[in-house]
């Protein structure tokens, strides 16, 4: 299992559209057998900062399985307008 964290910086004028896009994209994640859980959080102290957390069954499940699936196409279509606002996107192993 790996945890993917995606940090975004979203202009306040686009915040509602961003949140709606991830609500739509969530259906694609939920339909994937490789996605175990996901959530989107907004920073309280700095509302333009968002973190998306996606738990994948494995790195290969994400990068080969999900990205080559029909679910990826609909996921990416929903979030594509915000890809340029990604500050960081990394995978982590849980250690506890």
PDB file of N, CA and C in Angstrom:
ATOM      1  N   UNK A   1       0.847  -1.167   0.000  1.00  0.00           N
ATOM      2  CA  UNK A   1       0.000   0.000   0.000  1.00  0.00           C
ATOM      3  C   UNK A   1       0.897   1.237   0.000  1.00  0.00           C
ATOM      4  N   UNK A   2       0.533   2.237  -0.791  1.00  0.00           N
ATOM      5  CA  UNK A   2       1.233   3.518  -0.815  1.00  0.00           C
ATOM      6  C   UNK A   2       0.198   4.635  -0.705  1.00  0.00           C
ATOM      7  N   UNK A   3       0.661   5.760  -0.142  1.00  0.00           N
ATOM      8  CA  UNK A   3      -0.196   6.935  -0.004  1.00  0.00           C
ATOM      9  C   UNK A   3       0.354   8.027  -0.905  1.00  0.00           C
ATOM     10  N   UNK A   4      -0.488   8.519  -1.785  1.00  0.00           N
ATOM     11  CA  UNK A   4      -0.108   9.620  -2.671  1.00  0.00           C
ATOM     12  C   UNK A   4      -0.648  10.905  -2.071  1.00  0.00           C
ATOM     13  N   UNK A   5       0.244  11.895  -1.960  1.00  0.00           N
ATOM     14  CA  UNK A   5      -0.163  13.225  -1.515  1.00  0.00           C
ATOM     15  C   UNK A   5       0.063  14.193  -2.670  1.00  0.00           C
ATOM     16  N   UNK A   6      -0.957  14.985  -2.957  1.00  0.00           N
ATOM     17  CA  UNK A   6      -0.869  15.999  -4.008  1.00  0.00           C
ATOM     18  C   UNK A   6      -1.190  17.337  -3.348  1.00  0.00           C
ATOM     19  N   UNK A   7      -0.211  18.249  -3.354  1.00  0.00           N
ATOM     20  CA  UNK A   7      -0.420  19.583  -2.774  1.00  0.00           C
ATOM     21  C   UNK A   7      -0.724  20.571  -3.898  1.00  0.00           C
ATOM     22  N   UNK A   8      -1.789  21.318  -3.704  1.00  0.00           N
ATOM     23  CA  UNK A   8      -2.230  22.322  -4.674  1.00  0.00           C
ATOM     24  C   UNK A   8      -2.227  23.709  -4.036  1.00  0.00           C
ATOM     25  N   UNK A   9      -2.047  24.724  -4.858  1.00  0.00           N
ATOM     26  CA  UNK A   9      -2.273  26.121  -4.487  1.00  0.00           C
ATOM     27  C   UNK A   9      -3.361  26.604  -5.436  1.00  0.00           C
ATOM     28  N   UNK A  10      -4.567  26.851  -4.889  1.00  0.00           N
ATOM     29  CA  UNK A  10      -5.737  27.182  -5.703  1.00  0.00           C
ATOM     30  C   UNK A  10      -6.169  28.616  -5.421  1.00  0.00           C
ATOM     31  N   UNK A  11      -6.311  29.399  -6.478  1.00  0.00           N
ATOM     32  CA  UNK A  11      -6.801  30.767  -6.350  1.00  0.00           C
ATOM     33  C   UNK A  11      -8.179  30.740  -5.701  1.00  0.00           C
ATOM     34  N   UNK A  12      -8.442  31.630  -4.749  1.00  0.00           N
ATOM     35  CA  UNK A  12      -9.749  31.625  -4.069  1.00  0.00           C
ATOM     36  C   UNK A  12     -10.942  31.695  -5.024  1.00  0.00           C
ATOM     37  N   UNK A  13     -10.779  32.361  -6.156  1.00  0.00           N
ATOM     38  CA  UNK A  13     -11.871  32.447  -7.133  1.00  0.00           C
ATOM     39  C   UNK A  13     -12.157  31.106  -7.805  1.00  0.00           C
ATOM     40  N   UNK A  14     -11.191  30.184  -7.752  1.00  0.00           N
ATOM     41  CA  UNK A  14     -11.364  28.872  -8.384  1.00  0.00           C
ATOM     42  C   UNK A  14     -11.621  27.758  -7.366  1.00  0.00           C
ATOM     43  N   UNK A  15     -11.681  28.104  -6.084  1.00  0.00           N
ATOM     44  CA  UNK A  15     -11.804  27.086  -5.030  1.00  0.00           C
ATOM     45  C   UNK A  15     -13.064  26.237  -5.190  1.00  0.00           C
ATOM     46  N   UNK A  16     -14.185  26.860  -5.466  1.00  0.00           N
ATOM     47  CA  UNK A  16     -15.443  26.114  -5.607  1.00  0.00           C
ATOM     48  C   UNK A  16     -15.361  25.144  -6.787  1.00  0.00           C
ATOM     49  N   UNK A  17     -14.802  25.598  -7.899  1.00  0.00           N
ATOM     50  CA  UNK A  17     -14.662  24.735  -9.080  1.00  0.00           C
ATOM     51  C   UNK A  17     -13.695  23.583  -8.795  1.00  0.00           C
ATOM     52  N   UNK A  18     -12.617  23.860  -8.069  1.00  0.00           N
ATOM     53  CA  UNK A  18     -11.659  22.816  -7.702  1.00  0.00           C
ATOM     54  C   UNK A  18     -12.330  21.748  -6.837  1.00  0.00           C
ATOM     55  N   UNK A  19     -13.040  22.174  -5.831  1.00  0.00           N
ATOM     56  CA  UNK A  19     -13.715  21.222  -4.943  1.00  0.00           C
ATOM     57  C   UNK A  19     -14.762  20.406  -5.690  1.00  0.00           C
ATOM     58  N   UNK A  20     -15.461  21.039  -6.608  1.00  0.00           N
ATOM     59  CA  UNK A  20     -16.455  20.335  -7.425  1.00  0.00           C
ATOM     60  C   UNK A  20     -15.764  19.317  -8.350  1.00  0.00           C
ATOM     61  N   UNK A  21     -14.618  19.714  -8.910  1.00  0.00           N
ATOM     62  CA  UNK A  21     -13.872  18.814  -9.799  1.00  0.00           C
ATOM     63  C   UNK A  21     -13.442  17.559  -9.054  1.00  0.00           C
ATOM     64  N   UNK A  22     -12.952  17.717  -7.835  1.00  0.00           N
ATOM     65  CA  UNK A  22     -12.534  16.536  -7.073  1.00  0.00           C
ATOM     66  C   UNK A  22     -13.730  15.731  -6.580  1.00  0.00           C
ATOM     67  N   UNK A  23     -14.855  16.370  -6.354  1.00  0.00           N
ATOM     68  CA  UNK A  23     -16.062  15.600  -6.018  1.00  0.00           C
ATOM     69  C   UNK A  23     -16.452  14.718  -7.207  1.00  0.00           C
ATOM     70  N   UNK A  24     -16.362  15.264  -8.407  1.00  0.00           N
ATOM     71  CA  UNK A  24     -16.647  14.480  -9.619  1.00  0.00           C
ATOM     72  C   UNK A  24     -15.600  13.385  -9.826  1.00  0.00           C
ATOM     73  N   UNK A  25     -14.325  13.727  -9.637  1.00  0.00           N
ATOM     74  CA  UNK A  25     -13.239  12.776  -9.835  1.00  0.00           C
ATOM     75  C   UNK A  25     -13.291  11.649  -8.807  1.00  0.00           C
ATOM     76  N   UNK A  26     -13.874  11.918  -7.656  1.00  0.00           N
ATOM     77  CA  UNK A  26     -13.970  10.903  -6.616  1.00  0.00           C
ATOM     78  C   UNK A  26     -14.701   9.656  -7.072  1.00  0.00           C
ATOM     79  N   UNK A  27     -15.684   9.803  -7.923  1.00  0.00           N
ATOM     80  CA  UNK A  27     -16.400   8.646  -8.447  1.00  0.00           C
ATOM     81  C   UNK A  27     -15.490   7.723  -9.237  1.00  0.00           C
ATOM     82  N   UNK A  28     -14.562   8.299  -9.988  1.00  0.00           N
ATOM     83  CA  UNK A  28     -13.610   7.499 -10.754  1.00  0.00           C
ATOM     84  C   UNK A  28     -12.644   6.771  -9.825  1.00  0.00           C
ATOM     85  N   UNK A  29     -12.215   7.445  -8.763  1.00  0.00           N
ATOM     86  CA  UNK A  29     -11.335   6.792  -7.792  1.00  0.00           C
ATOM     87  C   UNK A  29     -12.061   5.644  -7.105  1.00  0.00           C
ATOM     88  N   UNK A  30     -13.296   5.888  -6.702  1.00  0.00           N
ATOM     89  CA  UNK A  30     -14.074   4.854  -6.011  1.00  0.00           C
ATOM     90  C   UNK A  30     -14.345   3.651  -6.908  1.00  0.00           C
ATOM     91  N   UNK A  31     -14.411   3.871  -8.207  1.00  0.00           N
ATOM     92  CA  UNK A  31     -14.665   2.776  -9.143  1.00  0.00           C
ATOM     93  C   UNK A  31     -13.416   1.940  -9.414  1.00  0.00           C
ATOM     94  N   UNK A  32     -12.247   2.455  -9.053  1.00  0.00           N
ATOM     95  CA  UNK A  32     -11.004   1.744  -9.314  1.00  0.00           C
ATOM     96  C   UNK A  32     -10.722   0.721  -8.224  1.00  0.00           C
ATOM     97  N   UNK A  33     -10.365  -0.475  -8.633  1.00  0.00           N
ATOM     98  CA  UNK A  33      -9.993  -1.510  -7.668  1.00  0.00           C
ATOM     99  C   UNK A  33      -8.650  -1.203  -7.015  1.00  0.00           C
ATOM    100  N   UNK A  34      -7.887  -0.275  -7.563  1.00  0.00           N
ATOM    101  CA  UNK A  34      -6.569   0.065  -7.028  1.00  0.00           C
ATOM    102  C   UNK A  34      -6.628   1.147  -5.960  1.00  0.00           C
ATOM    103  N   UNK A  35      -7.691   1.931  -5.929  1.00  0.00           N
ATOM    104  CA  UNK A  35      -7.828   3.002  -4.947  1.00  0.00           C
ATOM    105  C   UNK A  35      -8.549   2.459  -3.713  1.00  0.00           C
ATOM    106  N   UNK A  36      -7.884   2.569  -2.568  1.00  0.00           N
ATOM    107  CA  UNK A  36      -8.460   2.068  -1.325  1.00  0.00           C
ATOM    108  C   UNK A  36      -9.200   3.154  -0.546  1.00  0.00           C
ATOM    109  N   UNK A  37      -8.770   4.416  -0.701  1.00  0.00           N
ATOM    110  CA  UNK A  37      -9.413   5.531  -0.001  1.00  0.00           C
ATOM    111  C   UNK A  37      -8.882   6.829  -0.596  1.00  0.00           C
ATOM    112  N   UNK A  38      -9.593   7.902  -0.360  1.00  0.00           N
ATOM    113  CA  UNK A  38      -9.142   9.215  -0.836  1.00  0.00           C
ATOM    114  C   UNK A  38      -9.885  10.306  -0.081  1.00  0.00           C
ATOM    115  N   UNK A  39      -9.248  11.460   0.018  1.00  0.00           N
ATOM    116  CA  UNK A  39      -9.922  12.638   0.569  1.00  0.00           C
ATOM    117  C   UNK A  39      -9.202  13.899   0.116  1.00  0.00           C
ATOM    118  N   UNK A  40      -9.904  15.006   0.238  1.00  0.00           N
ATOM    119  CA  UNK A  40      -9.381  16.319  -0.115  1.00  0.00           C
ATOM    120  C   UNK A  40      -9.527  17.196   1.117  1.00  0.00           C
ATOM    121  N   UNK A  41      -8.447  17.907   1.473  1.00  0.00           N
ATOM    122  CA  UNK A  41      -8.473  18.786   2.649  1.00  0.00           C
ATOM    123  C   UNK A  41      -7.993  20.177   2.252  1.00  0.00           C
ATOM    124  N   UNK A  42      -8.593  21.181   2.903  1.00  0.00           N
ATOM    125  CA  UNK A  42      -8.181  22.580   2.703  1.00  0.00           C
ATOM    126  C   UNK A  42      -7.553  23.077   3.989  1.00  0.00           C
ATOM    127  N   UNK A  43      -6.468  23.816   3.885  1.00  0.00           N
ATOM    128  CA  UNK A  43      -5.752  24.342   5.040  1.00  0.00           C
ATOM    129  C   UNK A  43      -6.587  25.419   5.728  1.00  0.00           C
ATOM    130  N   UNK A  44      -6.676  25.332   7.024  1.00  0.00           N
ATOM    131  CA  UNK A  44      -7.445  26.307   7.809  1.00  0.00           C
ATOM    132  C   UNK A  44      -6.730  27.650   7.841  1.00  0.00           C
ATOM    133  N   UNK A  45      -5.409  27.617   8.073  1.00  0.00           N
ATOM    134  CA  UNK A  45      -4.654  28.872   8.180  1.00  0.00           C
ATOM    135  C   UNK A  45      -4.391  29.524   6.826  1.00  0.00           C
ATOM    136  N   UNK A  46      -4.361  28.731   5.778  1.00  0.00           N
ATOM    137  CA  UNK A  46      -4.053  29.233   4.441  1.00  0.00           C
ATOM    138  C   UNK A  46      -5.012  28.591   3.445  1.00  0.00           C
ATOM    139  N   UNK A  47      -6.218  29.136   3.290  1.00  0.00           N
ATOM    140  CA  UNK A  47      -7.274  28.482   2.509  1.00  0.00           C
ATOM    141  C   UNK A  47      -6.958  28.200   1.044  1.00  0.00           C
ATOM    142  N   UNK A  48      -5.923  28.795   0.489  1.00  0.00           N
ATOM    143  CA  UNK A  48      -5.556  28.499  -0.899  1.00  0.00           C
ATOM    144  C   UNK A  48      -4.784  27.182  -1.008  1.00  0.00           C
ATOM    145  N   UNK A  49      -4.366  26.621   0.131  1.00  0.00           N
ATOM    146  CA  UNK A  49      -3.583  25.384   0.132  1.00  0.00           C
ATOM    147  C   UNK A  49      -4.503  24.179   0.330  1.00  0.00           C
ATOM    148  N   UNK A  50      -4.396  23.230  -0.575  1.00  0.00           N
ATOM    149  CA  UNK A  50      -5.182  21.993  -0.519  1.00  0.00           C
ATOM    150  C   UNK A  50      -4.229  20.801  -0.569  1.00  0.00           C
ATOM    151  N   UNK A  51      -4.655  19.707   0.062  1.00  0.00           N
ATOM    152  CA  UNK A  51      -3.939  18.442  -0.029  1.00  0.00           C
ATOM    153  C   UNK A  51      -4.937  17.366  -0.416  1.00  0.00           C
ATOM    154  N   UNK A  52      -4.597  16.623  -1.442  1.00  0.00           N
ATOM    155  CA  UNK A  52      -5.374  15.448  -1.852  1.00  0.00           C
ATOM    156  C   UNK A  52      -4.577  14.234  -1.397  1.00  0.00           C
ATOM    157  N   UNK A  53      -5.244  13.318  -0.702  1.00  0.00           N
ATOM    158  CA  UNK A  53      -4.608  12.087  -0.224  1.00  0.00           C
ATOM    159  C   UNK A  53      -5.327  10.914  -0.873  1.00  0.00           C
ATOM    160  N   UNK A  54      -4.563  10.066  -1.553  1.00  0.00           N
ATOM    161  CA  UNK A  54      -5.132   8.881  -2.197  1.00  0.00           C
ATOM    162  C   UNK A  54      -4.320   7.672  -1.739  1.00  0.00           C
ATOM    163  N   UNK A  55      -5.010   6.685  -1.203  1.00  0.00           N
ATOM    164  CA  UNK A  55      -4.347   5.454  -0.794  1.00  0.00           C
ATOM    165  C   UNK A  55      -4.542   4.430  -1.909  1.00  0.00           C
ATOM    166  N   UNK A  56      -3.409   3.943  -2.422  1.00  0.00           N
ATOM    167  CA  UNK A  56      -3.396   2.975  -3.521  1.00  0.00           C
ATOM    168  C   UNK A  56      -2.974   1.606  -2.994  1.00  0.00           C
ATOM    169  N   UNK A  57      -3.410   0.564  -3.671  1.00  0.00           N
ATOM    170  CA  UNK A  57      -3.009  -0.789  -3.282  1.00  0.00           C
ATOM    171  C   UNK A  57      -1.510  -0.992  -3.446  1.00  0.00           C
ATOM    172  N   UNK A  58      -0.901  -0.315  -4.417  1.00  0.00           N
ATOM    173  CA  UNK A  58       0.546  -0.388  -4.657  1.00  0.00           C
ATOM    174  C   UNK A  58       0.916   0.736  -5.622  1.00  0.00           C
ATOM    175  N   UNK A  59       2.197   0.999  -5.721  1.00  0.00           N
ATOM    176  CA  UNK A  59       2.660   1.997  -6.691  1.00  0.00           C
ATOM    177  C   UNK A  59       2.330   1.541  -8.106  1.00  0.00           C
ATOM    178  N   UNK A  60       2.532   0.252  -8.373  1.00  0.00           N
ATOM    179  CA  UNK A  60       2.222  -0.291  -9.696  1.00  0.00           C
ATOM    180  C   UNK A  60       0.717  -0.219  -9.979  1.00  0.00           C
ATOM    181  N   UNK A  61      -0.083  -0.482  -8.950  1.00  0.00           N
ATOM    182  CA  UNK A  61      -1.531  -0.384  -9.109  1.00  0.00           C
ATOM    183  C   UNK A  61      -1.955   1.006  -9.537  1.00  0.00           C
ATOM    184  N   UNK A  62      -1.281   2.021  -8.986  1.00  0.00           N
ATOM    185  CA  UNK A  62      -1.583   3.395  -9.374  1.00  0.00           C
ATOM    186  C   UNK A  62      -1.039   3.703 -10.764  1.00  0.00           C
ATOM    187  N   UNK A  63       0.281   3.507 -10.925  1.00  0.00           N
ATOM    188  CA  UNK A  63       0.930   3.986 -12.142  1.00  0.00           C
ATOM    189  C   UNK A  63       0.643   3.144 -13.379  1.00  0.00           C
ATOM    190  N   UNK A  64       0.473   1.844 -13.217  1.00  0.00           N
ATOM    191  CA  UNK A  64       0.164   1.016 -14.387  1.00  0.00           C
ATOM    192  C   UNK A  64      -1.326   0.659 -14.452  1.00  0.00           C
ATOM    193  N   UNK A  65      -1.880   0.226 -13.320  1.00  0.00           N
ATOM    194  CA  UNK A  65      -3.276  -0.211 -13.314  1.00  0.00           C
ATOM    195  C   UNK A  65      -4.259   0.926 -13.515  1.00  0.00           C
ATOM    196  N   UNK A  66      -4.264   1.886 -12.598  1.00  0.00           N
ATOM    197  CA  UNK A  66      -5.224   2.990 -12.672  1.00  0.00           C
ATOM    198  C   UNK A  66      -4.997   3.856 -13.903  1.00  0.00           C
ATOM    199  N   UNK A  67      -3.755   4.211 -14.153  1.00  0.00           N
ATOM    200  CA  UNK A  67      -3.476   5.129 -15.267  1.00  0.00           C
ATOM    201  C   UNK A  67      -3.761   4.536 -16.643  1.00  0.00           C
ATOM    202  N   UNK A  68      -3.913   3.229 -16.722  1.00  0.00           N
ATOM    203  CA  UNK A  68      -4.269   2.624 -18.014  1.00  0.00           C
ATOM    204  C   UNK A  68      -5.734   2.204 -18.061  1.00  0.00           C
ATOM    205  N   UNK A  69      -6.499   2.608 -17.058  1.00  0.00           N
ATOM    206  CA  UNK A  69      -7.905   2.197 -16.971  1.00  0.00           C
ATOM    207  C   UNK A  69      -8.842   3.268 -17.521  1.00  0.00           C
ATOM    208  N   UNK A  70     -10.079   2.881 -17.835  1.00  0.00           N
ATOM    209  CA  UNK A  70     -11.081   3.876 -18.256  1.00  0.00           C
ATOM    210  C   UNK A  70     -11.383   4.885 -17.144  1.00  0.00           C
ATOM    211  N   UNK A  71     -11.234   4.475 -15.893  1.00  0.00           N
ATOM    212  CA  UNK A  71     -11.497   5.391 -14.772  1.00  0.00           C
ATOM    213  C   UNK A  71     -10.521   6.567 -14.774  1.00  0.00           C
ATOM    214  N   UNK A  72      -9.282   6.306 -15.214  1.00  0.00           N
ATOM    215  CA  UNK A  72      -8.304   7.393 -15.243  1.00  0.00           C
ATOM    216  C   UNK A  72      -8.730   8.496 -16.203  1.00  0.00           C
ATOM    217  N   UNK A  73      -9.254   8.121 -17.342  1.00  0.00           N
ATOM    218  CA  UNK A  73      -9.667   9.128 -18.331  1.00  0.00           C
ATOM    219  C   UNK A  73     -10.695  10.080 -17.750  1.00  0.00           C
ATOM    220  N   UNK A  74     -11.691   9.563 -17.048  1.00  0.00           N
ATOM    221  CA  UNK A  74     -12.711  10.441 -16.470  1.00  0.00           C
ATOM    222  C   UNK A  74     -12.164  11.214 -15.274  1.00  0.00           C
ATOM    223  N   UNK A  75     -11.286  10.581 -14.484  1.00  0.00           N
ATOM    224  CA  UNK A  75     -10.633  11.282 -13.369  1.00  0.00           C
ATOM    225  C   UNK A  75      -9.840  12.471 -13.894  1.00  0.00           C
ATOM    226  N   UNK A  76      -8.993  12.222 -14.884  1.00  0.00           N
ATOM    227  CA  UNK A  76      -8.123  13.277 -15.388  1.00  0.00           C
ATOM    228  C   UNK A  76      -8.911  14.387 -16.076  1.00  0.00           C
ATOM    229  N   UNK A  77      -9.976  14.030 -16.756  1.00  0.00           N
ATOM    230  CA  UNK A  77     -10.810  15.055 -17.391  1.00  0.00           C
ATOM    231  C   UNK A  77     -11.368  16.021 -16.347  1.00  0.00           C
ATOM    232  N   UNK A  78     -11.723  15.506 -15.186  1.00  0.00           N
ATOM    233  CA  UNK A  78     -12.290  16.349 -14.127  1.00  0.00           C
ATOM    234  C   UNK A  78     -11.242  17.281 -13.518  1.00  0.00           C
ATOM    235  N   UNK A  79     -10.022  16.780 -13.281  1.00  0.00           N
ATOM    236  CA  UNK A  79      -9.011  17.574 -12.560  1.00  0.00           C
ATOM    237  C   UNK A  79      -8.039  18.307 -13.475  1.00  0.00           C
ATOM    238  N   UNK A  80      -8.078  18.032 -14.764  1.00  0.00           N
ATOM    239  CA  UNK A  80      -7.132  18.629 -15.721  1.00  0.00           C
ATOM    240  C   UNK A  80      -6.987  20.149 -15.582  1.00  0.00           C
ATOM    241  N   UNK A  81      -8.064  20.914 -15.378  1.00  0.00           N
ATOM    242  CA  UNK A  81      -7.892  22.369 -15.288  1.00  0.00           C
ATOM    243  C   UNK A  81      -7.000  22.824 -14.129  1.00  0.00           C
ATOM    244  N   UNK A  82      -6.716  21.938 -13.175  1.00  0.00           N
ATOM    245  CA  UNK A  82      -5.979  22.320 -11.977  1.00  0.00           C
ATOM    246  C   UNK A  82      -4.577  21.713 -11.908  1.00  0.00           C
ATOM    247  N   UNK A  83      -4.188  20.977 -12.919  1.00  0.00           N
ATOM    248  CA  UNK A  83      -2.875  20.320 -12.919  1.00  0.00           C
ATOM    249  C   UNK A  83      -1.753  21.348 -12.792  1.00  0.00           C
ATOM    250  N   UNK A  84      -1.904  22.501 -13.397  1.00  0.00           N
ATOM    251  CA  UNK A  84      -0.879  23.541 -13.317  1.00  0.00           C
ATOM    252  C   UNK A  84      -0.713  24.134 -11.936  1.00  0.00           C
ATOM    253  N   UNK A  85      -1.652  23.890 -11.048  1.00  0.00           N
ATOM    254  CA  UNK A  85      -1.568  24.420  -9.682  1.00  0.00           C
ATOM    255  C   UNK A  85      -0.977  23.401  -8.696  1.00  0.00           C
ATOM    256  N   UNK A  86      -0.511  22.262  -9.196  1.00  0.00           N
ATOM    257  CA  UNK A  86       0.120  21.275  -8.321  1.00  0.00           C
ATOM    258  C   UNK A  86       1.485  21.801  -7.891  1.00  0.00           C
ATOM    259  N   UNK A  87       1.706  21.797  -6.573  1.00  0.00           N
ATOM    260  CA  UNK A  87       3.005  22.187  -6.029  1.00  0.00           C
ATOM    261  C   UNK A  87       3.888  20.974  -5.769  1.00  0.00           C
ATOM    262  N   UNK A  88       3.264  19.857  -5.448  1.00  0.00           N
ATOM    263  CA  UNK A  88       4.017  18.637  -5.165  1.00  0.00           C
ATOM    264  C   UNK A  88       3.094  17.439  -5.334  1.00  0.00           C
ATOM    265  N   UNK A  89       3.658  16.349  -5.857  1.00  0.00           N
ATOM    266  CA  UNK A  89       2.902  15.103  -5.990  1.00  0.00           C
ATOM    267  C   UNK A  89       3.895  13.967  -5.738  1.00  0.00           C
ATOM    268  N   UNK A  90       3.688  13.239  -4.622  1.00  0.00           N
ATOM    269  CA  UNK A  90       4.624  12.183  -4.239  1.00  0.00           C
ATOM    270  C   UNK A  90       3.885  11.004  -3.621  1.00  0.00           C
ATOM    271  N   UNK A  91       4.571   9.862  -3.663  1.00  0.00           N
ATOM    272  CA  UNK A  91       4.064   8.635  -3.041  1.00  0.00           C
ATOM    273  C   UNK A  91       4.858   8.350  -1.765  1.00  0.00           C
ATOM    274  N   UNK A  92       4.168   7.890  -0.750  1.00  0.00           N
ATOM    275  CA  UNK A  92       4.797   7.580   0.536  1.00  0.00           C
ATOM    276  C   UNK A  92       4.403   6.186   0.988  1.00  0.00           C
ATOM    277  N   UNK A  93       5.337   5.522   1.693  1.00  0.00           N
ATOM    278  CA  UNK A  93       5.046   4.246   2.333  1.00  0.00           C
ATOM    279  C   UNK A  93       4.663   4.518   3.776  1.00  0.00           C
ATOM    280  N   UNK A  94       3.640   3.854   4.248  1.00  0.00           N
ATOM    281  CA  UNK A  94       3.270   3.970   5.661  1.00  0.00           C
ATOM    282  C   UNK A  94       4.286   3.184   6.482  1.00  0.00           C
ATOM    283  N   UNK A  95       4.722   3.758   7.595  1.00  0.00           N
ATOM    284  CA  UNK A  95       5.683   3.064   8.441  1.00  0.00           C
ATOM    285  C   UNK A  95       5.118   2.717   9.810  1.00  0.00           C
ATOM    286  N   UNK A  96       3.909   3.152  10.077  1.00  0.00           N
ATOM    287  CA  UNK A  96       3.282   2.766  11.353  1.00  0.00           C
ATOM    288  C   UNK A  96       1.800   2.584  11.165  1.00  0.00           C
TER     289      UNK A  96
END
